[in-house]
Each structure stands twice: as structure tokens, then as C-alpha cells.
Amino acid sequence: MSAPRFAVGALVRVRAAYPPGHVRTPFYVRGAAGAVERICGRFPNPEQGAYGRRDADRITLYRVRFSQHDLWPDYRGAPDDSVEVEIFEHWLEPAEGAGA
């Protein structure tokens, strides 16, 4: 079992990928930067499971916090409003210097 790649507080960016199929990463966060809020544990990869793989790889799931203003530039709420999304590790990459 491998250790989580990212620590709580790490700045990450969601891969801007648009593969076909049963993808479990919301469209609106792809390419966006956020901060790891929590490490949820290791779970079977739901994208593999969607194709019937009972032996799906176990990968780390993170809860990532995004500024709503970063996700939706026309957002009119409070400046510190955020949204948290659970995202599997293979969708994340380091985002040094990104605002979150």
C-alpha cells in the first residue's frame, strides 16, 4: 500500500482531462486549483468498477476545497465561499503557487 501523494493543506490542480466513459470527477472542477482539506482513505477506483472490474485498484480519495469564485467567475456570493469535492488521486497534480 502506498502513502498518500498529497498532504492536508497541499495545493492541487485537477487534471483538465475529458476522457469518454464513466468518469467520476465533476466537469466544473477540471483544470481548477484547490487545497486538500482531508484524506478520506483508499477505495476501489470507481471508474474501473463502472466497467465491472471487481479487482479495481485501491487509490486514495481526497476532499479538496475550491473557491467558488475560482470555479464560477460570475459568482456573486461572499469572497470566502467554497465548495468541497471528493476526488481520487489519479485526477490530481501539484499546483504550487495556485490560489485556493
C-alpha atoms as a PDB file:
ATOM      1  CA  MET A   1       0.000   0.000   0.000  1.00  0.00           C
ATOM      2  CA  SER A   2       1.437   3.378  -0.958  1.00  0.00           C
ATOM      3  CA  ALA A   3       1.260   6.524   1.159  1.00  0.00           C
ATOM      4  CA  PRO A   4      -0.996   9.380   0.021  1.00  0.00           C
ATOM      5  CA  ARG A   5       0.740  11.587  -2.549  1.00  0.00           C
ATOM      6  CA  PHE A   6      -0.697  14.824  -1.098  1.00  0.00           C
ATOM      7  CA  ALA A   7      -0.906  16.066   2.487  1.00  0.00           C
ATOM      8  CA  VAL A   8      -3.727  18.049   4.063  1.00  0.00           C
ATOM      9  CA  GLY A   9      -3.252  21.686   3.020  1.00  0.00           C
ATOM     10  CA  ALA A  10      -1.399  20.840  -0.206  1.00  0.00           C
ATOM     11  CA  LEU A  11      -2.322  22.883  -3.264  1.00  0.00           C
ATOM     12  CA  VAL A  12      -3.514  20.624  -6.073  1.00  0.00           C
ATOM     13  CA  ARG A  13      -4.901  21.023  -9.555  1.00  0.00           C
ATOM     14  CA  VAL A  14      -7.490  18.716 -11.074  1.00  0.00           C
ATOM     15  CA  ARG A  15      -6.339  17.325 -14.404  1.00  0.00           C
ATOM     16  CA  ALA A  16      -8.065  19.017 -17.339  1.00  0.00           C
ATOM     17  CA  ALA A  17      -8.913  15.692 -18.976  1.00  0.00           C
ATOM     18  CA  TYR A  18     -12.122  14.791 -20.755  1.00  0.00           C
ATOM     19  CA  PRO A  19     -11.996  11.039 -21.409  1.00  0.00           C
ATOM     20  CA  PRO A  20     -15.100   9.188 -22.538  1.00  0.00           C
ATOM     21  CA  GLY A  21     -16.793   6.744 -20.231  1.00  0.00           C
ATOM     22  CA  HIS A  22     -17.743   6.559 -16.585  1.00  0.00           C
ATOM     23  CA  VAL A  23     -15.640   9.389 -15.172  1.00  0.00           C
ATOM     24  CA  ARG A  24     -16.251  10.270 -11.526  1.00  0.00           C
ATOM     25  CA  THR A  25     -14.713  13.764 -11.481  1.00  0.00           C
ATOM     26  CA  PRO A  26     -17.119  16.690 -11.952  1.00  0.00           C
ATOM     27  CA  PHE A  27     -16.665  18.652 -15.149  1.00  0.00           C
ATOM     28  CA  TYR A  28     -16.740  22.021 -13.348  1.00  0.00           C
ATOM     29  CA  VAL A  29     -13.571  21.329 -11.302  1.00  0.00           C
ATOM     30  CA  ARG A  30     -11.381  20.019 -14.134  1.00  0.00           C
ATOM     31  CA  GLY A  31      -8.375  22.302 -14.535  1.00  0.00           C
ATOM     32  CA  ALA A  32      -9.181  24.113 -11.265  1.00  0.00           C
ATOM     33  CA  ALA A  33      -6.823  24.501  -8.307  1.00  0.00           C
ATOM     34  CA  GLY A  34      -7.798  23.861  -4.725  1.00  0.00           C
ATOM     35  CA  ALA A  35      -6.442  22.762  -1.359  1.00  0.00           C
ATOM     36  CA  VAL A  36      -6.598  19.289   0.147  1.00  0.00           C
ATOM     37  CA  GLU A  37      -8.991  19.533   3.085  1.00  0.00           C
ATOM     38  CA  ARG A  38      -8.984  15.867   4.099  1.00  0.00           C
ATOM     39  CA  ILE A  39      -7.592  12.473   3.152  1.00  0.00           C
ATOM     40  CA  CYS A  40     -10.611  10.168   3.094  1.00  0.00           C
ATOM     41  CA  GLY A  41      -8.779   6.824   2.710  1.00  0.00           C
ATOM     42  CA  ARG A  42      -8.185   4.287  -0.042  1.00  0.00           C
ATOM     43  CA  PHE A  43     -11.068   2.895  -2.068  1.00  0.00           C
ATOM     44  CA  PRO A  44     -11.555   0.861  -5.244  1.00  0.00           C
ATOM     45  CA  ASN A  45     -11.267   3.018  -8.355  1.00  0.00           C
ATOM     46  CA  PRO A  46     -14.933   3.701  -9.267  1.00  0.00           C
ATOM     47  CA  GLU A  47     -14.031   4.307 -12.910  1.00  0.00           C
ATOM     48  CA  GLN A  48     -12.733   0.736 -13.164  1.00  0.00           C
ATOM     49  CA  GLY A  49     -15.654  -0.568 -11.122  1.00  0.00           C
ATOM     50  CA  ALA A  50     -18.103   1.010 -13.573  1.00  0.00           C
ATOM     51  CA  TYR A  51     -16.788  -1.464 -16.138  1.00  0.00           C
ATOM     52  CA  GLY A  52     -17.281  -4.440 -13.854  1.00  0.00           C
ATOM     53  CA  ARG A  53     -13.718  -4.780 -12.556  1.00  0.00           C
ATOM     54  CA  ARG A  54     -14.117  -6.430  -9.188  1.00  0.00           C
ATOM     55  CA  ASP A  55     -10.331  -6.221  -8.741  1.00  0.00           C
ATOM     56  CA  ALA A  56     -10.246  -2.427  -9.214  1.00  0.00           C
ATOM     57  CA  ASP A  57      -7.120  -0.651  -7.972  1.00  0.00           C
ATOM     58  CA  ARG A  58      -7.440   0.855  -4.481  1.00  0.00           C
ATOM     59  CA  ILE A  59      -6.493   4.523  -4.662  1.00  0.00           C
ATOM     60  CA  THR A  60      -6.510   7.469  -2.282  1.00  0.00           C
ATOM     61  CA  LEU A  61      -9.575   9.692  -2.173  1.00  0.00           C
ATOM     62  CA  TYR A  62      -9.186  13.343  -1.120  1.00  0.00           C
ATOM     63  CA  ARG A  63     -11.639  16.060  -0.192  1.00  0.00           C
ATOM     64  CA  VAL A  64     -10.494  19.218  -1.996  1.00  0.00           C
ATOM     65  CA  ARG A  65     -11.754  22.729  -1.225  1.00  0.00           C
ATOM     66  CA  PHE A  66     -12.224  25.184  -4.107  1.00  0.00           C
ATOM     67  CA  SER A  67     -13.085  28.870  -4.021  1.00  0.00           C
ATOM     68  CA  GLN A  68     -16.465  29.335  -5.657  1.00  0.00           C
ATOM     69  CA  HIS A  69     -15.125  32.495  -7.304  1.00  0.00           C
ATOM     70  CA  ASP A  70     -12.369  30.432  -8.962  1.00  0.00           C
ATOM     71  CA  LEU A  71     -14.887  27.908 -10.285  1.00  0.00           C
ATOM     72  CA  TRP A  72     -17.525  30.401 -11.389  1.00  0.00           C
ATOM     73  CA  PRO A  73     -16.102  33.879 -12.211  1.00  0.00           C
ATOM     74  CA  ASP A  74     -19.600  35.434 -12.147  1.00  0.00           C
ATOM     75  CA  TYR A  75     -20.308  34.083  -8.643  1.00  0.00           C
ATOM     76  CA  ARG A  76     -21.849  36.871  -6.528  1.00  0.00           C
ATOM     77  CA  GLY A  77     -21.586  35.316  -3.071  1.00  0.00           C
ATOM     78  CA  ALA A  78     -19.175  36.090  -0.260  1.00  0.00           C
ATOM     79  CA  PRO A  79     -15.451  36.126  -1.202  1.00  0.00           C
ATOM     80  CA  ASP A  80     -14.649  33.223   1.129  1.00  0.00           C
ATOM     81  CA  ASP A  81     -17.446  30.896  -0.091  1.00  0.00           C
ATOM     82  CA  SER A  82     -16.094  27.494  -1.056  1.00  0.00           C
ATOM     83  CA  VAL A  83     -17.179  24.093  -2.284  1.00  0.00           C
ATOM     84  CA  GLU A  84     -15.624  20.755  -1.336  1.00  0.00           C
ATOM     85  CA  VAL A  85     -15.404  17.866  -3.781  1.00  0.00           C
ATOM     86  CA  GLU A  86     -14.087  14.349  -3.213  1.00  0.00           C
ATOM     87  CA  ILE A  87     -11.576  13.480  -5.933  1.00  0.00           C
ATOM     88  CA  PHE A  88      -9.419  10.403  -6.467  1.00  0.00           C
ATOM     89  CA  GLU A  89      -5.641  10.789  -6.536  1.00  0.00           C
ATOM     90  CA  HIS A  90      -5.142   9.913 -10.217  1.00  0.00           C
ATOM     91  CA  TRP A  91      -7.057  13.096 -11.106  1.00  0.00           C
ATOM     92  CA  LEU A  92      -4.783  15.388  -9.065  1.00  0.00           C
ATOM     93  CA  GLU A  93      -1.405  17.002  -9.696  1.00  0.00           C
ATOM     94  CA  PRO A  94       0.648  19.506  -7.672  1.00  0.00           C
ATOM     95  CA  ALA A  95      -0.363  23.168  -8.096  1.00  0.00           C
ATOM     96  CA  GLU A  96       2.411  25.135  -6.388  1.00  0.00           C
ATOM     97  CA  GLY A  97       1.664  28.830  -6.262  1.00  0.00           C
ATOM     98  CA  ALA A  98      -2.010  28.423  -7.156  1.00  0.00           C
ATOM     99  CA  GLY A  99      -4.547  30.317  -5.137  1.00  0.00           C
ATOM    100  CA  ALA A 100      -7.111  28.244  -3.324  1.00  0.00           C
END
